[in-house]
PDB file of N, CA and C in Angstrom:
ATOM      1  N   MET A   1      -6.120 -65.970  18.055  1.00  0.00           N
ATOM      2  CA  MET A   1      -7.236 -66.718  18.622  1.00  0.00           C
ATOM      3  C   MET A   1      -8.145 -65.754  19.365  1.00  0.00           C
ATOM      4  N   SER A   2      -9.428 -65.831  19.098  1.00  0.00           N
ATOM      5  CA  SER A   2     -10.363 -64.931  19.764  1.00  0.00           C
ATOM      6  C   SER A   2     -10.763 -65.501  21.128  1.00  0.00           C
ATOM      7  N   LEU A   3     -11.146 -64.617  21.995  1.00  0.00           N
ATOM      8  CA  LEU A   3     -11.562 -65.012  23.336  1.00  0.00           C
ATOM      9  C   LEU A   3     -12.909 -65.707  23.289  1.00  0.00           C
ATOM     10  N   THR A   4     -13.078 -66.700  24.139  1.00  0.00           N
ATOM     11  CA  THR A   4     -14.411 -67.278  24.295  1.00  0.00           C
ATOM     12  C   THR A   4     -15.244 -66.290  25.118  1.00  0.00           C
ATOM     13  N   GLU A   5     -16.541 -66.423  25.029  1.00  0.00           N
ATOM     14  CA  GLU A   5     -17.423 -65.534  25.790  1.00  0.00           C
ATOM     15  C   GLU A   5     -17.143 -65.640  27.291  1.00  0.00           C
ATOM     16  N   ALA A   6     -16.988 -66.875  27.777  1.00  0.00           N
ATOM     17  CA  ALA A   6     -16.738 -67.073  29.209  1.00  0.00           C
ATOM     18  C   ALA A   6     -15.419 -66.433  29.644  1.00  0.00           C
ATOM     19  N   ARG A   7     -14.362 -66.627  28.864  1.00  0.00           N
ATOM     20  CA  ARG A   7     -13.059 -66.039  29.221  1.00  0.00           C
ATOM     21  C   ARG A   7     -13.122 -64.515  29.168  1.00  0.00           C
ATOM     22  N   PHE A   8     -13.799 -63.983  28.161  1.00  0.00           N
ATOM     23  CA  PHE A   8     -13.966 -62.538  28.053  1.00  0.00           C
ATOM     24  C   PHE A   8     -14.615 -61.979  29.319  1.00  0.00           C
ATOM     25  N   HIS A   9     -15.711 -62.582  29.753  1.00  0.00           N
ATOM     26  CA  HIS A   9     -16.412 -62.090  30.945  1.00  0.00           C
ATOM     27  C   HIS A   9     -15.549 -62.254  32.198  1.00  0.00           C
ATOM     28  N   ASP A  10     -14.823 -63.360  32.304  1.00  0.00           N
ATOM     29  CA  ASP A  10     -13.922 -63.557  33.445  1.00  0.00           C
ATOM     30  C   ASP A  10     -12.846 -62.466  33.478  1.00  0.00           C
ATOM     31  N   LEU A  11     -12.275 -62.150  32.325  1.00  0.00           N
ATOM     32  CA  LEU A  11     -11.234 -61.120  32.242  1.00  0.00           C
ATOM     33  C   LEU A  11     -11.776 -59.745  32.610  1.00  0.00           C
ATOM     34  N   VAL A  12     -12.954 -59.404  32.103  1.00  0.00           N
ATOM     35  CA  VAL A  12     -13.538 -58.090  32.404  1.00  0.00           C
ATOM     36  C   VAL A  12     -13.938 -58.014  33.873  1.00  0.00           C
ATOM     37  N   ASP A  13     -14.519 -59.090  34.404  1.00  0.00           N
ATOM     38  CA  ASP A  13     -14.888 -59.100  35.828  1.00  0.00           C
ATOM     39  C   ASP A  13     -13.659 -58.896  36.707  1.00  0.00           C
ATOM     40  N   ALA A  14     -12.579 -59.605  36.398  1.00  0.00           N
ATOM     41  CA  ALA A  14     -11.340 -59.476  37.171  1.00  0.00           C
ATOM     42  C   ALA A  14     -10.770 -58.068  37.046  1.00  0.00           C
ATOM     43  N   LEU A  15     -10.822 -57.502  35.840  1.00  0.00           N
ATOM     44  CA  LEU A  15     -10.324 -56.149  35.627  1.00  0.00           C
ATOM     45  C   LEU A  15     -11.139 -55.143  36.429  1.00  0.00           C
ATOM     46  N   GLN A  16     -12.454 -55.258  36.372  1.00  0.00           N
ATOM     47  CA  GLN A  16     -13.291 -54.302  37.091  1.00  0.00           C
ATOM     48  C   GLN A  16     -13.047 -54.387  38.600  1.00  0.00           C
ATOM     49  N   GLU A  17     -12.839 -55.582  39.112  1.00  0.00           N
ATOM     50  CA  GLU A  17     -12.530 -55.746  40.536  1.00  0.00           C
ATOM     51  C   GLU A  17     -11.181 -55.087  40.867  1.00  0.00           C
ATOM     52  N   ALA A  18     -10.193 -55.290  40.004  1.00  0.00           N
ATOM     53  CA  ALA A  18      -8.868 -54.679  40.213  1.00  0.00           C
ATOM     54  C   ALA A  18      -8.958 -53.153  40.121  1.00  0.00           C
ATOM     55  N   LEU A  19      -9.783 -52.644  39.203  1.00  0.00           N
ATOM     56  CA  LEU A  19      -9.973 -51.199  39.085  1.00  0.00           C
ATOM     57  C   LEU A  19     -10.600 -50.636  40.351  1.00  0.00           C
ATOM     58  N   GLU A  20     -11.629 -51.302  40.859  1.00  0.00           N
ATOM     59  CA  GLU A  20     -12.262 -50.849  42.093  1.00  0.00           C
ATOM     60  C   GLU A  20     -11.257 -50.840  43.238  1.00  0.00           C
ATOM     61  N   ASP A  21     -10.435 -51.884  43.340  1.00  0.00           N
ATOM     62  CA  ASP A  21      -9.408 -51.951  44.386  1.00  0.00           C
ATOM     63  C   ASP A  21      -8.414 -50.800  44.249  1.00  0.00           C
ATOM     64  N   ALA A  22      -7.964 -50.524  43.017  1.00  0.00           N
ATOM     65  CA  ALA A  22      -6.991 -49.448  42.789  1.00  0.00           C
ATOM     66  C   ALA A  22      -7.576 -48.089  43.166  1.00  0.00           C
ATOM     67  N   PHE A  23      -8.823 -47.846  42.771  1.00  0.00           N
ATOM     68  CA  PHE A  23      -9.443 -46.559  43.102  1.00  0.00           C
ATOM     69  C   PHE A  23      -9.729 -46.468  44.604  1.00  0.00           C
ATOM     70  N   ASP A  24     -10.163 -47.576  45.221  1.00  0.00           N
ATOM     71  CA  ASP A  24     -10.402 -47.585  46.671  1.00  0.00           C
ATOM     72  C   ASP A  24      -9.121 -47.295  47.449  1.00  0.00           C
ATOM     73  N   ALA A  25      -7.987 -47.787  46.941  1.00  0.00           N
ATOM     74  CA  ALA A  25      -6.705 -47.608  47.626  1.00  0.00           C
ATOM     75  C   ALA A  25      -6.145 -46.195  47.435  1.00  0.00           C
ATOM     76  N   SER A  26      -6.707 -45.448  46.489  1.00  0.00           N
ATOM     77  CA  SER A  26      -6.224 -44.080  46.242  1.00  0.00           C
ATOM     78  C   SER A  26      -6.821 -43.143  47.281  1.00  0.00           C
ATOM     79  N   ASP A  27      -6.275 -41.938  47.328  1.00  0.00           N
ATOM     80  CA  ASP A  27      -6.794 -40.913  48.236  1.00  0.00           C
ATOM     81  C   ASP A  27      -7.831 -40.028  47.561  1.00  0.00           C
ATOM     82  N   LEU A  28      -8.279 -40.429  46.394  1.00  0.00           N
ATOM     83  CA  LEU A  28      -9.229 -39.616  45.642  1.00  0.00           C
ATOM     84  C   LEU A  28     -10.614 -39.658  46.267  1.00  0.00           C
ATOM     85  N   ASP A  29     -11.290 -38.521  46.200  1.00  0.00           N
ATOM     86  CA  ASP A  29     -12.694 -38.447  46.593  1.00  0.00           C
ATOM     87  C   ASP A  29     -13.495 -38.788  45.348  1.00  0.00           C
ATOM     88  N   LEU A  30     -14.053 -39.990  45.312  1.00  0.00           N
ATOM     89  CA  LEU A  30     -14.764 -40.433  44.119  1.00  0.00           C
ATOM     90  C   LEU A  30     -15.892 -41.380  44.489  1.00  0.00           C
ATOM     91  N   ASP A  31     -16.721 -41.652  43.515  1.00  0.00           N
ATOM     92  CA  ASP A  31     -17.847 -42.568  43.687  1.00  0.00           C
ATOM     93  C   ASP A  31     -17.709 -43.668  42.633  1.00  0.00           C
ATOM     94  N   LEU A  32     -17.799 -44.910  43.079  1.00  0.00           N
ATOM     95  CA  LEU A  32     -17.743 -46.054  42.167  1.00  0.00           C
ATOM     96  C   LEU A  32     -19.119 -46.692  42.080  1.00  0.00           C
ATOM     97  N   GLU A  33     -19.553 -46.979  40.871  1.00  0.00           N
ATOM     98  CA  GLU A  33     -20.821 -47.673  40.680  1.00  0.00           C
ATOM     99  C   GLU A  33     -20.616 -48.776  39.646  1.00  0.00           C
ATOM    100  N   ASN A  34     -20.971 -49.986  40.028  1.00  0.00           N
ATOM    101  CA  ASN A  34     -20.875 -51.112  39.113  1.00  0.00           C
ATOM    102  C   ASN A  34     -22.281 -51.669  38.937  1.00  0.00           C
ATOM    103  N   SER A  35     -22.824 -51.464  37.754  1.00  0.00           N
ATOM    104  CA  SER A  35     -24.201 -51.873  37.499  1.00  0.00           C
ATOM    105  C   SER A  35     -24.321 -52.427  36.088  1.00  0.00           C
ATOM    106  N   GLY A  36     -24.851 -53.623  35.971  1.00  0.00           N
ATOM    107  CA  GLY A  36     -25.068 -54.219  34.663  1.00  0.00           C
ATOM    108  C   GLY A  36     -23.804 -54.401  33.855  1.00  0.00           C
ATOM    109  N   GLY A  37     -22.680 -54.637  34.541  1.00  0.00           N
ATOM    110  CA  GLY A  37     -21.421 -54.840  33.840  1.00  0.00           C
ATOM    111  C   GLY A  37     -20.729 -53.562  33.421  1.00  0.00           C
ATOM    112  N   VAL A  38     -21.273 -52.407  33.846  1.00  0.00           N
ATOM    113  CA  VAL A  38     -20.678 -51.115  33.545  1.00  0.00           C
ATOM    114  C   VAL A  38     -20.135 -50.527  34.841  1.00  0.00           C
ATOM    115  N   LEU A  39     -18.853 -50.193  34.834  1.00  0.00           N
ATOM    116  CA  LEU A  39     -18.221 -49.573  35.996  1.00  0.00           C
ATOM    117  C   LEU A  39     -18.051 -48.086  35.716  1.00  0.00           C
ATOM    118  N   THR A  40     -18.647 -47.267  36.583  1.00  0.00           N
ATOM    119  CA  THR A  40     -18.549 -45.820  36.443  1.00  0.00           C
ATOM    120  C   THR A  40     -17.760 -45.263  37.614  1.00  0.00           C
ATOM    121  N   VAL A  41     -16.750 -44.472  37.291  1.00  0.00           N
ATOM    122  CA  VAL A  41     -15.938 -43.785  38.295  1.00  0.00           C
ATOM    123  C   VAL A  41     -16.256 -42.303  38.167  1.00  0.00           C
ATOM    124  N   ARG A  42     -16.825 -41.724  39.246  1.00  0.00           N
ATOM    125  CA  ARG A  42     -17.154 -40.300  39.245  1.00  0.00           C
ATOM    126  C   ARG A  42     -16.199 -39.578  40.192  1.00  0.00           C
ATOM    127  N   PHE A  43     -15.435 -38.645  39.635  1.00  0.00           N
ATOM    128  CA  PHE A  43     -14.517 -37.857  40.441  1.00  0.00           C
ATOM    129  C   PHE A  43     -15.249 -36.677  41.070  1.00  0.00           C
ATOM    130  N   ASP A  44     -14.671 -36.103  42.123  1.00  0.00           N
ATOM    131  CA  ASP A  44     -15.353 -35.011  42.827  1.00  0.00           C
ATOM    132  C   ASP A  44     -15.518 -33.758  41.974  1.00  0.00           C
ATOM    133  N   ASN A  45     -14.769 -33.648  40.877  1.00  0.00           N
ATOM    134  CA  ASN A  45     -14.924 -32.491  39.987  1.00  0.00           C
ATOM    135  C   ASN A  45     -16.014 -32.708  38.931  1.00  0.00           C
ATOM    136  N   GLY A  46     -16.702 -33.849  39.014  1.00  0.00           N
ATOM    137  CA  GLY A  46     -17.804 -34.124  38.091  1.00  0.00           C
ATOM    138  C   GLY A  46     -17.419 -34.927  36.862  1.00  0.00           C
ATOM    139  N   SER A  47     -16.126 -35.081  36.592  1.00  0.00           N
ATOM    140  CA  SER A  47     -15.734 -35.873  35.424  1.00  0.00           C
ATOM    141  C   SER A  47     -15.857 -37.360  35.752  1.00  0.00           C
ATOM    142  N   GLN A  48     -15.921 -38.171  34.713  1.00  0.00           N
ATOM    143  CA  GLN A  48     -16.153 -39.600  34.876  1.00  0.00           C
ATOM    144  C   GLN A  48     -15.244 -40.429  33.971  1.00  0.00           C
ATOM    145  N   LEU A  49     -15.040 -41.657  34.391  1.00  0.00           N
ATOM    146  CA  LEU A  49     -14.491 -42.711  33.543  1.00  0.00           C
ATOM    147  C   LEU A  49     -15.547 -43.806  33.543  1.00  0.00           C
ATOM    148  N   ILE A  50     -15.920 -44.275  32.368  1.00  0.00           N
ATOM    149  CA  ILE A  50     -16.956 -45.311  32.267  1.00  0.00           C
ATOM    150  C   ILE A  50     -16.391 -46.491  31.488  1.00  0.00           C
ATOM    151  N   PHE A  51     -16.375 -47.647  32.153  1.00  0.00           N
ATOM    152  CA  PHE A  51     -15.864 -48.881  31.563  1.00  0.00           C
ATOM    153  C   PHE A  51     -17.052 -49.767  31.227  1.00  0.00           C
ATOM    154  N   SER A  52     -17.160 -50.170  29.967  1.00  0.00           N
ATOM    155  CA  SER A  52     -18.255 -51.065  29.582  1.00  0.00           C
ATOM    156  C   SER A  52     -17.723 -52.189  28.707  1.00  0.00           C
ATOM    157  N   ARG A  53     -18.361 -53.331  28.841  1.00  0.00           N
ATOM    158  CA  ARG A  53     -17.962 -54.490  28.041  1.00  0.00           C
ATOM    159  C   ARG A  53     -18.797 -54.537  26.778  1.00  0.00           C
ATOM    160  N   GLN A  54     -18.128 -54.775  25.676  1.00  0.00           N
ATOM    161  CA  GLN A  54     -18.794 -54.920  24.385  1.00  0.00           C
ATOM    162  C   GLN A  54     -18.644 -56.384  23.972  1.00  0.00           C
ATOM    163  N   GLU A  55     -19.575 -57.180  24.449  1.00  0.00           N
ATOM    164  CA  GLU A  55     -19.480 -58.633  24.299  1.00  0.00           C
ATOM    165  C   GLU A  55     -19.345 -59.099  22.847  1.00  0.00           C
ATOM    166  N   PRO A  56     -20.173 -58.580  21.913  1.00  0.00           N
ATOM    167  CA  PRO A  56     -20.056 -59.091  20.536  1.00  0.00           C
ATOM    168  C   PRO A  56     -18.660 -58.885  19.936  1.00  0.00           C
ATOM    169  N   LEU A  57     -17.984 -57.798  20.339  1.00  0.00           N
ATOM    170  CA  LEU A  57     -16.658 -57.482  19.810  1.00  0.00           C
ATOM    171  C   LEU A  57     -15.542 -58.010  20.706  1.00  0.00           C
ATOM    172  N   ARG A  58     -15.918 -58.519  21.894  1.00  0.00           N
ATOM    173  CA  ARG A  58     -14.934 -58.970  22.897  1.00  0.00           C
ATOM    174  C   ARG A  58     -13.971 -57.835  23.233  1.00  0.00           C
ATOM    175  N   GLN A  59     -14.540 -56.638  23.380  1.00  0.00           N
ATOM    176  CA  GLN A  59     -13.740 -55.468  23.705  1.00  0.00           C
ATOM    177  C   GLN A  59     -14.210 -54.835  25.015  1.00  0.00           C
ATOM    178  N   LEU A  60     -13.291 -54.116  25.627  1.00  0.00           N
ATOM    179  CA  LEU A  60     -13.595 -53.259  26.762  1.00  0.00           C
ATOM    180  C   LEU A  60     -13.578 -51.836  26.222  1.00  0.00           C
ATOM    181  N   TRP A  61     -14.627 -51.082  26.497  1.00  0.00           N
ATOM    182  CA  TRP A  61     -14.686 -49.700  26.049  1.00  0.00           C
ATOM    183  C   TRP A  61     -14.540 -48.786  27.248  1.00  0.00           C
ATOM    184  N   LEU A  62     -13.830 -47.697  27.049  1.00  0.00           N
ATOM    185  CA  LEU A  62     -13.602 -46.711  28.089  1.00  0.00           C
ATOM    186  C   LEU A  62     -14.009 -45.342  27.562  1.00  0.00           C
ATOM    187  N   ALA A  63     -14.936 -44.702  28.269  1.00  0.00           N
ATOM    188  CA  ALA A  63     -15.324 -43.335  27.939  1.00  0.00           C
ATOM    189  C   ALA A  63     -14.676 -42.415  28.966  1.00  0.00           C
ATOM    190  N   ALA A  64     -13.994 -41.393  28.472  1.00  0.00           N
ATOM    191  CA  ALA A  64     -13.318 -40.428  29.325  1.00  0.00           C
ATOM    192  C   ALA A  64     -13.604 -39.030  28.778  1.00  0.00           C
ATOM    193  N   ARG A  65     -13.204 -38.022  29.534  1.00  0.00           N
ATOM    194  CA  ARG A  65     -13.429 -36.647  29.085  1.00  0.00           C
ATOM    195  C   ARG A  65     -12.755 -36.396  27.737  1.00  0.00           C
ATOM    196  N   SER A  66     -11.622 -37.033  27.510  1.00  0.00           N
ATOM    197  CA  SER A  66     -10.867 -36.795  26.270  1.00  0.00           C
ATOM    198  C   SER A  66     -11.328 -37.655  25.096  1.00  0.00           C
ATOM    199  N   GLY A  67     -12.298 -38.560  25.323  1.00  0.00           N
ATOM    200  CA  GLY A  67     -12.806 -39.354  24.210  1.00  0.00           C
ATOM    201  C   GLY A  67     -13.125 -40.781  24.602  1.00  0.00           C
ATOM    202  N   GLY A  68     -13.398 -41.583  23.596  1.00  0.00           N
ATOM    203  CA  GLY A  68     -13.715 -42.985  23.802  1.00  0.00           C
ATOM    204  C   GLY A  68     -12.585 -43.861  23.288  1.00  0.00           C
ATOM    205  N   PHE A  69     -12.324 -44.946  24.013  1.00  0.00           N
ATOM    206  CA  PHE A  69     -11.225 -45.838  23.666  1.00  0.00           C
ATOM    207  C   PHE A  69     -11.707 -47.285  23.704  1.00  0.00           C
ATOM    208  N   HIS A  70     -11.221 -48.079  22.781  1.00  0.00           N
ATOM    209  CA  HIS A  70     -11.599 -49.492  22.682  1.00  0.00           C
ATOM    210  C   HIS A  70     -10.364 -50.346  22.939  1.00  0.00           C
ATOM    211  N   PHE A  71     -10.513 -51.365  23.789  1.00  0.00           N
ATOM    212  CA  PHE A  71      -9.395 -52.216  24.172  1.00  0.00           C
ATOM    213  C   PHE A  71      -9.671 -53.664  23.828  1.00  0.00           C
ATOM    214  N   ASP A  72      -8.647 -54.308  23.272  1.00  0.00           N
ATOM    215  CA  ASP A  72      -8.670 -55.744  23.015  1.00  0.00           C
ATOM    216  C   ASP A  72      -7.755 -56.405  24.024  1.00  0.00           C
ATOM    217  N   TYR A  73      -8.084 -57.632  24.402  1.00  0.00           N
ATOM    218  CA  TYR A  73      -7.204 -58.352  25.320  1.00  0.00           C
ATOM    219  C   TYR A  73      -6.086 -59.003  24.524  1.00  0.00           C
ATOM    220  N   ASP A  74      -4.857 -58.721  24.914  1.00  0.00           N
ATOM    221  CA  ASP A  74      -3.677 -59.281  24.257  1.00  0.00           C
ATOM    222  C   ASP A  74      -3.150 -60.418  25.122  1.00  0.00           C
ATOM    223  N   GLU A  75      -3.368 -61.652  24.664  1.00  0.00           N
ATOM    224  CA  GLU A  75      -2.943 -62.825  25.437  1.00  0.00           C
ATOM    225  C   GLU A  75      -1.430 -62.833  25.659  1.00  0.00           C
ATOM    226  N   ASN A  76      -0.668 -62.421  24.633  1.00  0.00           N
ATOM    227  CA  ASN A  76       0.790 -62.423  24.751  1.00  0.00           C
ATOM    228  C   ASN A  76       1.267 -61.429  25.803  1.00  0.00           C
ATOM    229  N   ALA A  77       0.658 -60.249  25.805  1.00  0.00           N
ATOM    230  CA  ALA A  77       1.040 -59.215  26.766  1.00  0.00           C
ATOM    231  C   ALA A  77       0.373 -59.448  28.123  1.00  0.00           C
ATOM    232  N   GLY A  78      -0.712 -60.221  28.117  1.00  0.00           N
ATOM    233  CA  GLY A  78      -1.439 -60.471  29.357  1.00  0.00           C
ATOM    234  C   GLY A  78      -2.192 -59.254  29.861  1.00  0.00           C
ATOM    235  N   GLY A  79      -2.719 -58.451  28.924  1.00  0.00           N
ATOM    236  CA  GLY A  79      -3.448 -57.264  29.351  1.00  0.00           C
ATOM    237  C   GLY A  79      -4.247 -56.638  28.222  1.00  0.00           C
ATOM    238  N   TRP A  80      -4.968 -55.598  28.580  1.00  0.00           N
ATOM    239  CA  TRP A  80      -5.821 -54.885  27.644  1.00  0.00           C
ATOM    240  C   TRP A  80      -5.025 -53.796  26.942  1.00  0.00           C
ATOM    241  N   VAL A  81      -5.184 -53.721  25.610  1.00  0.00           N
ATOM    242  CA  VAL A  81      -4.411 -52.784  24.786  1.00  0.00           C
ATOM    243  C   VAL A  81      -5.379 -52.012  23.891  1.00  0.00           C
ATOM    244  N   CYS A  82      -5.167 -50.695  23.807  1.00  0.00           N
ATOM    245  CA  CYS A  82      -6.020 -49.843  22.983  1.00  0.00           C
ATOM    246  C   CYS A  82      -5.849 -50.199  21.512  1.00  0.00           C
ATOM    247  N   ASP A  83      -6.962 -50.415  20.817  1.00  0.00           N
ATOM    248  CA  ASP A  83      -6.875 -50.835  19.419  1.00  0.00           C
ATOM    249  C   ASP A  83      -6.459 -49.696  18.488  1.00  0.00           C
ATOM    250  N   ALA A  84      -6.542 -48.451  18.942  1.00  0.00           N
ATOM    251  CA  ALA A  84      -6.200 -47.316  18.087  1.00  0.00           C
ATOM    252  C   ALA A  84      -4.717 -46.957  18.137  1.00  0.00           C
ATOM    253  N   ASN A  85      -4.114 -47.053  19.341  1.00  0.00           N
ATOM    254  CA  ASN A  85      -2.735 -46.581  19.461  1.00  0.00           C
ATOM    255  C   ASN A  85      -1.791 -47.567  20.149  1.00  0.00           C
ATOM    256  N   GLY A  86      -2.310 -48.733  20.562  1.00  0.00           N
ATOM    257  CA  GLY A  86      -1.459 -49.751  21.180  1.00  0.00           C
ATOM    258  C   GLY A  86      -1.074 -49.472  22.619  1.00  0.00           C
ATOM    259  N   GLU A  87      -1.636 -48.410  23.211  1.00  0.00           N
ATOM    260  CA  GLU A  87      -1.313 -48.066  24.598  1.00  0.00           C
ATOM    261  C   GLU A  87      -1.961 -49.075  25.544  1.00  0.00           C
ATOM    262  N   ALA A  88      -1.207 -49.524  26.525  1.00  0.00           N
ATOM    263  CA  ALA A  88      -1.729 -50.467  27.511  1.00  0.00           C
ATOM    264  C   ALA A  88      -2.694 -49.736  28.443  1.00  0.00           C
ATOM    265  N   LEU A  89      -3.713 -50.452  28.886  1.00  0.00           N
ATOM    266  CA  LEU A  89      -4.745 -49.861  29.743  1.00  0.00           C
ATOM    267  C   LEU A  89      -4.175 -49.210  31.007  1.00  0.00           C
ATOM    268  N   PRO A  90      -3.270 -49.861  31.769  1.00  0.00           N
ATOM    269  CA  PRO A  90      -2.772 -49.207  32.991  1.00  0.00           C
ATOM    270  C   PRO A  90      -2.108 -47.851  32.714  1.00  0.00           C
ATOM    271  N   ALA A  91      -1.333 -47.751  31.652  1.00  0.00           N
ATOM    272  CA  ALA A  91      -0.670 -46.490  31.314  1.00  0.00           C
ATOM    273  C   ALA A  91      -1.692 -45.427  30.943  1.00  0.00           C
ATOM    274  N   MET A  92      -2.688 -45.801  30.145  1.00  0.00           N
ATOM    275  CA  MET A  92      -3.704 -44.842  29.753  1.00  0.00           C
ATOM    276  C   MET A  92      -4.516 -44.383  30.953  1.00  0.00           C
ATOM    277  N   LEU A  93      -4.861 -45.317  31.833  1.00  0.00           N
ATOM    278  CA  LEU A  93      -5.637 -44.949  33.018  1.00  0.00           C
ATOM    279  C   LEU A  93      -4.867 -44.004  33.930  1.00  0.00           C
ATOM    280  N   ALA A  94      -3.581 -44.238  34.087  1.00  0.00           N
ATOM    281  CA  ALA A  94      -2.762 -43.348  34.914  1.00  0.00           C
ATOM    282  C   ALA A  94      -2.793 -41.937  34.328  1.00  0.00           C
ATOM    283  N   ARG A  95      -2.664 -41.849  33.006  1.00  0.00           N
ATOM    284  CA  ARG A  95      -2.682 -40.541  32.336  1.00  0.00           C
ATOM    285  C   ARG A  95      -4.052 -39.875  32.452  1.00  0.00           C
ATOM    286  N   LEU A  96      -5.126 -40.634  32.195  1.00  0.00           N
ATOM    287  CA  LEU A  96      -6.478 -40.064  32.239  1.00  0.00           C
ATOM    288  C   LEU A  96      -6.852 -39.630  33.648  1.00  0.00           C
ATOM    289  N   THR A  97      -6.461 -40.406  34.647  1.00  0.00           N
ATOM    290  CA  THR A  97      -6.765 -40.045  36.036  1.00  0.00           C
ATOM    291  C   THR A  97      -6.020 -38.769  36.423  1.00  0.00           C
ATOM    292  N   ARG A  98      -4.773 -38.662  35.966  1.00  0.00           N
ATOM    293  CA  ARG A  98      -3.991 -37.445  36.214  1.00  0.00           C
ATOM    294  C   ARG A  98      -4.679 -36.240  35.551  1.00  0.00           C
ATOM    295  N   GLU A  99      -5.128 -36.422  34.298  1.00  0.00           N
ATOM    296  CA  GLU A  99      -5.774 -35.333  33.556  1.00  0.00           C
ATOM    297  C   GLU A  99      -7.107 -34.935  34.177  1.00  0.00           C
ATOM    298  N   GLN A 100      -7.895 -35.918  34.580  1.00  0.00           N
ATOM    299  CA  GLN A 100      -9.252 -35.634  35.033  1.00  0.00           C
ATOM    300  C   GLN A 100      -9.347 -35.330  36.528  1.00  0.00           C
ATOM    301  N   ALA A 101      -8.520 -35.961  37.343  1.00  0.00           N
ATOM    302  CA  ALA A 101      -8.632 -35.790  38.794  1.00  0.00           C
ATOM    303  C   ALA A 101      -7.409 -35.122  39.406  1.00  0.00           C
ATOM    304  N   GLY A 102      -6.357 -34.950  38.599  1.00  0.00           N
ATOM    305  CA  GLY A 102      -5.155 -34.300  39.096  1.00  0.00           C
ATOM    306  C   GLY A 102      -4.409 -35.107  40.139  1.00  0.00           C
ATOM    307  N   CYS A 103      -4.542 -36.417  40.088  1.00  0.00           N
ATOM    308  CA  CYS A 103      -3.937 -37.267  41.101  1.00  0.00           C
ATOM    309  C   CYS A 103      -3.350 -38.516  40.457  1.00  0.00           C
ATOM    310  N   GLU A 104      -2.315 -39.039  41.097  1.00  0.00           N
ATOM    311  CA  GLU A 104      -1.693 -40.280  40.626  1.00  0.00           C
ATOM    312  C   GLU A 104      -2.378 -41.476  41.287  1.00  0.00           C
ATOM    313  N   VAL A 105      -2.719 -42.471  40.496  1.00  0.00           N
ATOM    314  CA  VAL A 105      -3.267 -43.724  41.016  1.00  0.00           C
ATOM    315  C   VAL A 105      -2.410 -44.846  40.458  1.00  0.00           C
ATOM    316  N   ASP A 106      -2.086 -45.808  41.294  1.00  0.00           N
ATOM    317  CA  ASP A 106      -1.259 -46.942  40.879  1.00  0.00           C
ATOM    318  C   ASP A 106      -2.127 -48.027  40.256  1.00  0.00           C
ATOM    319  N   PHE A 107      -1.984 -48.199  38.961  1.00  0.00           N
ATOM    320  CA  PHE A 107      -2.732 -49.236  38.246  1.00  0.00           C
ATOM    321  C   PHE A 107      -1.834 -50.408  37.882  1.00  0.00           C
ATOM    322  N   GLY A 108      -0.724 -50.552  38.583  1.00  0.00           N
ATOM    323  CA  GLY A 108       0.244 -51.598  38.299  1.00  0.00           C
ATOM    324  C   GLY A 108      -0.305 -53.002  38.444  1.00  0.00           C
ATOM    325  N   ALA A 109      -1.325 -53.184  39.270  1.00  0.00           N
ATOM    326  CA  ALA A 109      -1.879 -54.520  39.502  1.00  0.00           C
ATOM    327  C   ALA A 109      -2.806 -54.972  38.378  1.00  0.00           C
ATOM    328  N   LEU A 110      -3.050 -54.106  37.415  1.00  0.00           N
ATOM    329  CA  LEU A 110      -3.926 -54.487  36.309  1.00  0.00           C
ATOM    330  C   LEU A 110      -3.143 -55.353  35.352  1.00  0.00           C
TER     331      LEU A 110
END
């Protein structure tokens, strides 16, 4: 079953809020910007994570230094899963944050 537009936006809004909370709770020196439904995380070393919603596809896209990733919401798992490799978003974010900022961030609440 595909997500309705309203549910998709509710899920992405909730995710972006949880992401902001997780990054705010970390000890990282970073800048968060949420504009037009795009959440940009800028680390002090200049690298970024950019989260954008792709409404027509009902996907969340993530741009990172190592590439671009597309996530579908898995109702059974209750979370966002990468369409290329099946990796859950919290696990991927923990890895990408470690790679880009050299720090551990707890994304367990996602």
